Amino acid sequence: MAVTEAERLQLSRDVLGELLDAAVGLLATGGSTNHVIHLPAIARAAGITIDWEDIDRLSAAVPLIARVYPNGS
């Protein structure tokens, strides 16, 4: 089944929205360096360019609402 250009663009928008949601969640919870490294790589695999400067600009707009530690500390 062939994917139309409109379907491809919609998929790109959907993926970009999901990546943005992931970045906001990361930033709002204190996130980890691993996530900041992996989000641009995941985006690149989907054909979307996100770099650390994009995440830095987003961090200026997203408040820290909780500091979450995965190890329970």
PDB file of N, CA and C in Angstrom:
ATOM      1  N   MET A   1       0.844  -1.180   0.000  1.00  0.00           N
ATOM      2  CA  MET A   1       0.000   0.000   0.000  1.00  0.00           C
ATOM      3  C   MET A   1       0.887   1.239   0.000  1.00  0.00           C
ATOM      4  N   ALA A   2       0.687   2.094  -0.954  1.00  0.00           N
ATOM      5  CA  ALA A   2       1.472   3.312  -1.074  1.00  0.00           C
ATOM      6  C   ALA A   2       0.942   4.389  -0.127  1.00  0.00           C
ATOM      7  N   VAL A   3       1.864   5.160   0.420  1.00  0.00           N
ATOM      8  CA  VAL A   3       1.503   6.262   1.306  1.00  0.00           C
ATOM      9  C   VAL A   3       1.503   7.541   0.479  1.00  0.00           C
ATOM     10  N   THR A   4       0.414   8.288   0.552  1.00  0.00           N
ATOM     11  CA  THR A   4       0.335   9.536  -0.196  1.00  0.00           C
ATOM     12  C   THR A   4       1.174  10.608   0.495  1.00  0.00           C
ATOM     13  N   GLU A   5       1.468  11.655  -0.230  1.00  0.00           N
ATOM     14  CA  GLU A   5       2.232  12.777   0.340  1.00  0.00           C
ATOM     15  C   GLU A   5       1.499  13.383   1.525  1.00  0.00           C
ATOM     16  N   ALA A   6       0.192  13.510   1.435  1.00  0.00           N
ATOM     17  CA  ALA A   6      -0.597  14.069   2.542  1.00  0.00           C
ATOM     18  C   ALA A   6      -0.503  13.183   3.776  1.00  0.00           C
ATOM     19  N   GLU A   7      -0.554  11.869   3.571  1.00  0.00           N
ATOM     20  CA  GLU A   7      -0.430  10.939   4.702  1.00  0.00           C
ATOM     21  C   GLU A   7       0.964  11.016   5.322  1.00  0.00           C
ATOM     22  N   ARG A   8       1.981  11.167   4.487  1.00  0.00           N
ATOM     23  CA  ARG A   8       3.351  11.275   4.980  1.00  0.00           C
ATOM     24  C   ARG A   8       3.520  12.545   5.801  1.00  0.00           C
ATOM     25  N   LEU A   9       2.970  13.659   5.317  1.00  0.00           N
ATOM     26  CA  LEU A   9       3.062  14.917   6.056  1.00  0.00           C
ATOM     27  C   LEU A   9       2.306  14.836   7.377  1.00  0.00           C
ATOM     28  N   GLN A  10       1.140  14.195   7.379  1.00  0.00           N
ATOM     29  CA  GLN A  10       0.383  14.040   8.616  1.00  0.00           C
ATOM     30  C   GLN A  10       1.155  13.188   9.614  1.00  0.00           C
ATOM     31  N   LEU A  11       1.776  12.126   9.130  1.00  0.00           N
ATOM     32  CA  LEU A  11       2.578  11.265   9.996  1.00  0.00           C
ATOM     33  C   LEU A  11       3.740  12.056  10.588  1.00  0.00           C
ATOM     34  N   SER A  12       4.397  12.886   9.770  1.00  0.00           N
ATOM     35  CA  SER A  12       5.497  13.717  10.271  1.00  0.00           C
ATOM     36  C   SER A  12       5.002  14.661  11.357  1.00  0.00           C
ATOM     37  N   ARG A  13       3.829  15.253  11.165  1.00  0.00           N
ATOM     38  CA  ARG A  13       3.261  16.151  12.185  1.00  0.00           C
ATOM     39  C   ARG A  13       2.938  15.380  13.464  1.00  0.00           C
ATOM     40  N   ASP A  14       2.389  14.190  13.313  1.00  0.00           N
ATOM     41  CA  ASP A  14       2.059  13.365  14.475  1.00  0.00           C
ATOM     42  C   ASP A  14       3.316  13.001  15.254  1.00  0.00           C
ATOM     43  N   VAL A  15       4.354  12.580  14.545  1.00  0.00           N
ATOM     44  CA  VAL A  15       5.612  12.200  15.196  1.00  0.00           C
ATOM     45  C   VAL A  15       6.233  13.413  15.870  1.00  0.00           C
ATOM     46  N   LEU A  16       6.223  14.555  15.202  1.00  0.00           N
ATOM     47  CA  LEU A  16       6.770  15.769  15.791  1.00  0.00           C
ATOM     48  C   LEU A  16       6.002  16.138  17.061  1.00  0.00           C
ATOM     49  N   GLY A  17       4.687  16.004  17.036  1.00  0.00           N
ATOM     50  CA  GLY A  17       3.881  16.290  18.227  1.00  0.00           C
ATOM     51  C   GLY A  17       4.221  15.351  19.379  1.00  0.00           C
ATOM     52  N   GLU A  18       4.416  14.083  19.075  1.00  0.00           N
ATOM     53  CA  GLU A  18       4.786  13.107  20.105  1.00  0.00           C
ATOM     54  C   GLU A  18       6.166  13.415  20.674  1.00  0.00           C
ATOM     55  N   LEU A  19       7.099  13.796  19.816  1.00  0.00           N
ATOM     56  CA  LEU A  19       8.436  14.152  20.287  1.00  0.00           C
ATOM     57  C   LEU A  19       8.396  15.406  21.157  1.00  0.00           C
ATOM     58  N   LEU A  20       7.569  16.361  20.774  1.00  0.00           N
ATOM     59  CA  LEU A  20       7.415  17.574  21.571  1.00  0.00           C
ATOM     60  C   LEU A  20       6.817  17.235  22.936  1.00  0.00           C
ATOM     61  N   ASP A  21       5.805  16.379  22.962  1.00  0.00           N
ATOM     62  CA  ASP A  21       5.219  15.940  24.237  1.00  0.00           C
ATOM     63  C   ASP A  21       6.274  15.265  25.112  1.00  0.00           C
ATOM     64  N   ALA A  22       7.106  14.430  24.506  1.00  0.00           N
ATOM     65  CA  ALA A  22       8.160  13.737  25.256  1.00  0.00           C
ATOM     66  C   ALA A  22       9.153  14.740  25.831  1.00  0.00           C
ATOM     67  N   ALA A  23       9.536  15.735  25.044  1.00  0.00           N
ATOM     68  CA  ALA A  23      10.484  16.745  25.513  1.00  0.00           C
ATOM     69  C   ALA A  23       9.890  17.568  26.648  1.00  0.00           C
ATOM     70  N   VAL A  24       8.632  17.945  26.549  1.00  0.00           N
ATOM     71  CA  VAL A  24       7.974  18.718  27.605  1.00  0.00           C
ATOM     72  C   VAL A  24       7.901  17.891  28.892  1.00  0.00           C
ATOM     73  N   GLY A  25       7.527  16.627  28.777  1.00  0.00           N
ATOM     74  CA  GLY A  25       7.486  15.760  29.953  1.00  0.00           C
ATOM     75  C   GLY A  25       8.857  15.618  30.585  1.00  0.00           C
ATOM     76  N   LEU A  26       9.855  15.464  29.762  1.00  0.00           N
ATOM     77  CA  LEU A  26      11.234  15.365  30.234  1.00  0.00           C
ATOM     78  C   LEU A  26      11.633  16.615  31.011  1.00  0.00           C
ATOM     79  N   LEU A  27      11.390  17.755  30.429  1.00  0.00           N
ATOM     80  CA  LEU A  27      11.790  19.016  31.056  1.00  0.00           C
ATOM     81  C   LEU A  27      10.991  19.313  32.321  1.00  0.00           C
ATOM     82  N   ALA A  28       9.708  19.000  32.325  1.00  0.00           N
ATOM     83  CA  ALA A  28       8.856  19.297  33.474  1.00  0.00           C
ATOM     84  C   ALA A  28       9.180  18.428  34.687  1.00  0.00           C
ATOM     85  N   THR A  29       9.853  17.304  34.456  1.00  0.00           N
ATOM     86  CA  THR A  29      10.164  16.401  35.570  1.00  0.00           C
ATOM     87  C   THR A  29      11.657  16.331  35.880  1.00  0.00           C
ATOM     88  N   GLY A  30      12.415  17.267  35.373  1.00  0.00           N
ATOM     89  CA  GLY A  30      13.836  17.271  35.658  1.00  0.00           C
ATOM     90  C   GLY A  30      14.646  16.397  34.731  1.00  0.00           C
ATOM     91  N   GLY A  31      13.986  15.487  34.038  1.00  0.00           N
ATOM     92  CA  GLY A  31      14.584  14.653  33.007  1.00  0.00           C
ATOM     93  C   GLY A  31      15.979  14.136  33.269  1.00  0.00           C
ATOM     94  N   SER A  32      16.525  13.466  32.307  1.00  0.00           N
ATOM     95  CA  SER A  32      17.883  12.955  32.426  1.00  0.00           C
ATOM     96  C   SER A  32      18.660  13.299  31.178  1.00  0.00           C
ATOM     97  N   THR A  33      19.963  13.295  31.314  1.00  0.00           N
ATOM     98  CA  THR A  33      20.835  13.571  30.178  1.00  0.00           C
ATOM     99  C   THR A  33      20.606  12.554  29.069  1.00  0.00           C
ATOM    100  N   ASN A  34      20.334  11.302  29.434  1.00  0.00           N
ATOM    101  CA  ASN A  34      20.075  10.271  28.430  1.00  0.00           C
ATOM    102  C   ASN A  34      18.927  10.656  27.506  1.00  0.00           C
ATOM    103  N   HIS A  35      17.863  11.187  28.069  1.00  0.00           N
ATOM    104  CA  HIS A  35      16.716  11.579  27.245  1.00  0.00           C
ATOM    105  C   HIS A  35      17.086  12.705  26.287  1.00  0.00           C
ATOM    106  N   VAL A  36      17.850  13.674  26.771  1.00  0.00           N
ATOM    107  CA  VAL A  36      18.237  14.809  25.917  1.00  0.00           C
ATOM    108  C   VAL A  36      19.119  14.332  24.776  1.00  0.00           C
ATOM    109  N   ILE A  37      19.887  13.296  25.006  1.00  0.00           N
ATOM    110  CA  ILE A  37      20.729  12.736  23.943  1.00  0.00           C
ATOM    111  C   ILE A  37      19.888  11.907  22.972  1.00  0.00           C
ATOM    112  N   HIS A  38      18.947  11.148  23.490  1.00  0.00           N
ATOM    113  CA  HIS A  38      18.197  10.216  22.648  1.00  0.00           C
ATOM    114  C   HIS A  38      17.051  10.853  21.869  1.00  0.00           C
ATOM    115  N   LEU A  39      16.399  11.879  22.400  1.00  0.00           N
ATOM    116  CA  LEU A  39      15.284  12.499  21.655  1.00  0.00           C
ATOM    117  C   LEU A  39      15.708  13.002  20.274  1.00  0.00           C
ATOM    118  N   PRO A  40      16.819  13.746  20.144  1.00  0.00           N
ATOM    119  CA  PRO A  40      17.226  14.147  18.785  1.00  0.00           C
ATOM    120  C   PRO A  40      17.549  12.956  17.885  1.00  0.00           C
ATOM    121  N   ALA A  41      18.100  11.890  18.456  1.00  0.00           N
ATOM    122  CA  ALA A  41      18.410  10.699  17.648  1.00  0.00           C
ATOM    123  C   ALA A  41      17.136  10.015  17.168  1.00  0.00           C
ATOM    124  N   ILE A  42      16.143   9.931  18.031  1.00  0.00           N
ATOM    125  CA  ILE A  42      14.859   9.340  17.648  1.00  0.00           C
ATOM    126  C   ILE A  42      14.207  10.201  16.562  1.00  0.00           C
ATOM    127  N   ALA A  43      14.252  11.515  16.749  1.00  0.00           N
ATOM    128  CA  ALA A  43      13.683  12.423  15.746  1.00  0.00           C
ATOM    129  C   ALA A  43      14.393  12.244  14.409  1.00  0.00           C
ATOM    130  N   ARG A  44      15.710  12.173  14.439  1.00  0.00           N
ATOM    131  CA  ARG A  44      16.482  12.014  13.203  1.00  0.00           C
ATOM    132  C   ARG A  44      16.091  10.728  12.487  1.00  0.00           C
ATOM    133  N   ALA A  45      15.871   9.657  13.241  1.00  0.00           N
ATOM    134  CA  ALA A  45      15.457   8.386  12.638  1.00  0.00           C
ATOM    135  C   ALA A  45      14.097   8.513  11.954  1.00  0.00           C
ATOM    136  N   ALA A  46      13.277   9.450  12.434  1.00  0.00           N
ATOM    137  CA  ALA A  46      11.955   9.692  11.836  1.00  0.00           C
ATOM    138  C   ALA A  46      12.009  10.771  10.750  1.00  0.00           C
ATOM    139  N   GLY A  47      13.225  11.257  10.447  1.00  0.00           N
ATOM    140  CA  GLY A  47      13.373  12.274   9.407  1.00  0.00           C
ATOM    141  C   GLY A  47      13.089  13.688   9.876  1.00  0.00           C
ATOM    142  N   ILE A  48      13.148  13.915  11.190  1.00  0.00           N
ATOM    143  CA  ILE A  48      12.867  15.223  11.775  1.00  0.00           C
ATOM    144  C   ILE A  48      14.133  15.719  12.457  1.00  0.00           C
ATOM    145  N   THR A  49      14.472  16.985  12.246  1.00  0.00           N
ATOM    146  CA  THR A  49      15.668  17.549  12.857  1.00  0.00           C
ATOM    147  C   THR A  49      15.299  18.301  14.122  1.00  0.00           C
ATOM    148  N   ILE A  50      15.783  17.801  15.251  1.00  0.00           N
ATOM    149  CA  ILE A  50      15.665  18.469  16.546  1.00  0.00           C
ATOM    150  C   ILE A  50      17.074  18.474  17.122  1.00  0.00           C
ATOM    151  N   ASP A  51      17.530  19.627  17.594  1.00  0.00           N
ATOM    152  CA  ASP A  51      18.862  19.651  18.185  1.00  0.00           C
ATOM    153  C   ASP A  51      18.798  20.169  19.621  1.00  0.00           C
ATOM    154  N   TRP A  52      19.947  20.206  20.261  1.00  0.00           N
ATOM    155  CA  TRP A  52      19.984  20.612  21.662  1.00  0.00           C
ATOM    156  C   TRP A  52      19.533  22.054  21.861  1.00  0.00           C
ATOM    157  N   GLU A  53      19.763  22.895  20.855  1.00  0.00           N
ATOM    158  CA  GLU A  53      19.305  24.282  20.953  1.00  0.00           C
ATOM    159  C   GLU A  53      17.776  24.348  20.989  1.00  0.00           C
ATOM    160  N   ASP A  54      17.112  23.479  20.247  1.00  0.00           N
ATOM    161  CA  ASP A  54      15.647  23.419  20.282  1.00  0.00           C
ATOM    162  C   ASP A  54      15.164  23.038  21.680  1.00  0.00           C
ATOM    163  N   ILE A  55      15.818  22.051  22.270  1.00  0.00           N
ATOM    164  CA  ILE A  55      15.437  21.624  23.619  1.00  0.00           C
ATOM    165  C   ILE A  55      15.737  22.732  24.624  1.00  0.00           C
ATOM    166  N   ASP A  56      16.835  23.443  24.436  1.00  0.00           N
ATOM    167  CA  ASP A  56      17.173  24.559  25.321  1.00  0.00           C
ATOM    168  C   ASP A  56      16.115  25.659  25.239  1.00  0.00           C
ATOM    169  N   ARG A  57      15.686  26.007  24.024  1.00  0.00           N
ATOM    170  CA  ARG A  57      14.633  27.031  23.874  1.00  0.00           C
ATOM    171  C   ARG A  57      13.326  26.574  24.509  1.00  0.00           C
ATOM    172  N   LEU A  58      13.001  25.311  24.353  1.00  0.00           N
ATOM    173  CA  LEU A  58      11.786  24.773  24.950  1.00  0.00           C
ATOM    174  C   LEU A  58      11.878  24.803  26.474  1.00  0.00           C
ATOM    175  N   SER A  59      13.065  24.555  27.010  1.00  0.00           N
ATOM    176  CA  SER A  59      13.235  24.540  28.471  1.00  0.00           C
ATOM    177  C   SER A  59      12.970  25.906  29.092  1.00  0.00           C
ATOM    178  N   ALA A  60      13.143  26.971  28.319  1.00  0.00           N
ATOM    179  CA  ALA A  60      12.856  28.317  28.827  1.00  0.00           C
ATOM    180  C   ALA A  60      11.352  28.530  29.026  1.00  0.00           C
ATOM    181  N   ALA A  61      10.528  27.734  28.339  1.00  0.00           N
ATOM    182  CA  ALA A  61       9.075  27.904  28.417  1.00  0.00           C
ATOM    183  C   ALA A  61       8.384  26.863  29.296  1.00  0.00           C
ATOM    184  N   VAL A  62       9.089  25.791  29.640  1.00  0.00           N
ATOM    185  CA  VAL A  62       8.470  24.691  30.395  1.00  0.00           C
ATOM    186  C   VAL A  62       8.925  24.768  31.856  1.00  0.00           C
ATOM    187  N   PRO A  63       7.987  24.954  32.785  1.00  0.00           N
ATOM    188  CA  PRO A  63       8.386  25.012  34.197  1.00  0.00           C
ATOM    189  C   PRO A  63       8.705  23.622  34.743  1.00  0.00           C
ATOM    190  N   LEU A  64       9.594  23.588  35.710  1.00  0.00           N
ATOM    191  CA  LEU A  64       9.889  22.345  36.416  1.00  0.00           C
ATOM    192  C   LEU A  64       8.774  22.146  37.432  1.00  0.00           C
ATOM    193  N   ILE A  65       7.987  21.078  37.283  1.00  0.00           N
ATOM    194  CA  ILE A  65       6.863  20.864  38.203  1.00  0.00           C
ATOM    195  C   ILE A  65       7.139  19.757  39.210  1.00  0.00           C
ATOM    196  N   ALA A  66       8.141  18.928  38.933  1.00  0.00           N
ATOM    197  CA  ALA A  66       8.508  17.861  39.870  1.00  0.00           C
ATOM    198  C   ALA A  66       9.919  17.408  39.543  1.00  0.00           C
ATOM    199  N   ARG A  67      10.671  17.091  40.566  1.00  0.00           N
ATOM    200  CA  ARG A  67      11.997  16.520  40.338  1.00  0.00           C
ATOM    201  C   ARG A  67      11.855  15.027  40.603  1.00  0.00           C
ATOM    202  N   VAL A  68      11.917  14.238  39.531  1.00  0.00           N
ATOM    203  CA  VAL A  68      11.695  12.804  39.620  1.00  0.00           C
ATOM    204  C   VAL A  68      13.035  12.088  39.523  1.00  0.00           C
ATOM    205  N   TYR A  69      13.307  11.217  40.480  1.00  0.00           N
ATOM    206  CA  TYR A  69      14.520  10.426  40.495  1.00  0.00           C
ATOM    207  C   TYR A  69      14.173   8.965  40.264  1.00  0.00           C
ATOM    208  N   PRO A  70      14.680   8.354  39.190  1.00  0.00           N
ATOM    209  CA  PRO A  70      14.308   6.977  38.895  1.00  0.00           C
ATOM    210  C   PRO A  70      14.799   5.968  39.936  1.00  0.00           C
ATOM    211  N   ASN A  71      15.831   6.320  40.682  1.00  0.00           N
ATOM    212  CA  ASN A  71      16.355   5.375  41.672  1.00  0.00           C
ATOM    213  C   ASN A  71      15.704   5.561  43.037  1.00  0.00           C
ATOM    214  N   GLY A  72      14.764   6.477  43.148  1.00  0.00           N
ATOM    215  CA  GLY A  72      14.023   6.687  44.397  1.00  0.00           C
ATOM    216  C   GLY A  72      14.691   7.640  45.369  1.00  0.00           C
ATOM    217  N   SER A  73      15.817   8.202  45.018  1.00  0.00           N
ATOM    218  CA  SER A  73      16.529   9.135  45.916  1.00  0.00           C
ATOM    219  C   SER A  73      15.921  10.517  45.880  1.00  0.00           C
TER     220      SER A  73
END
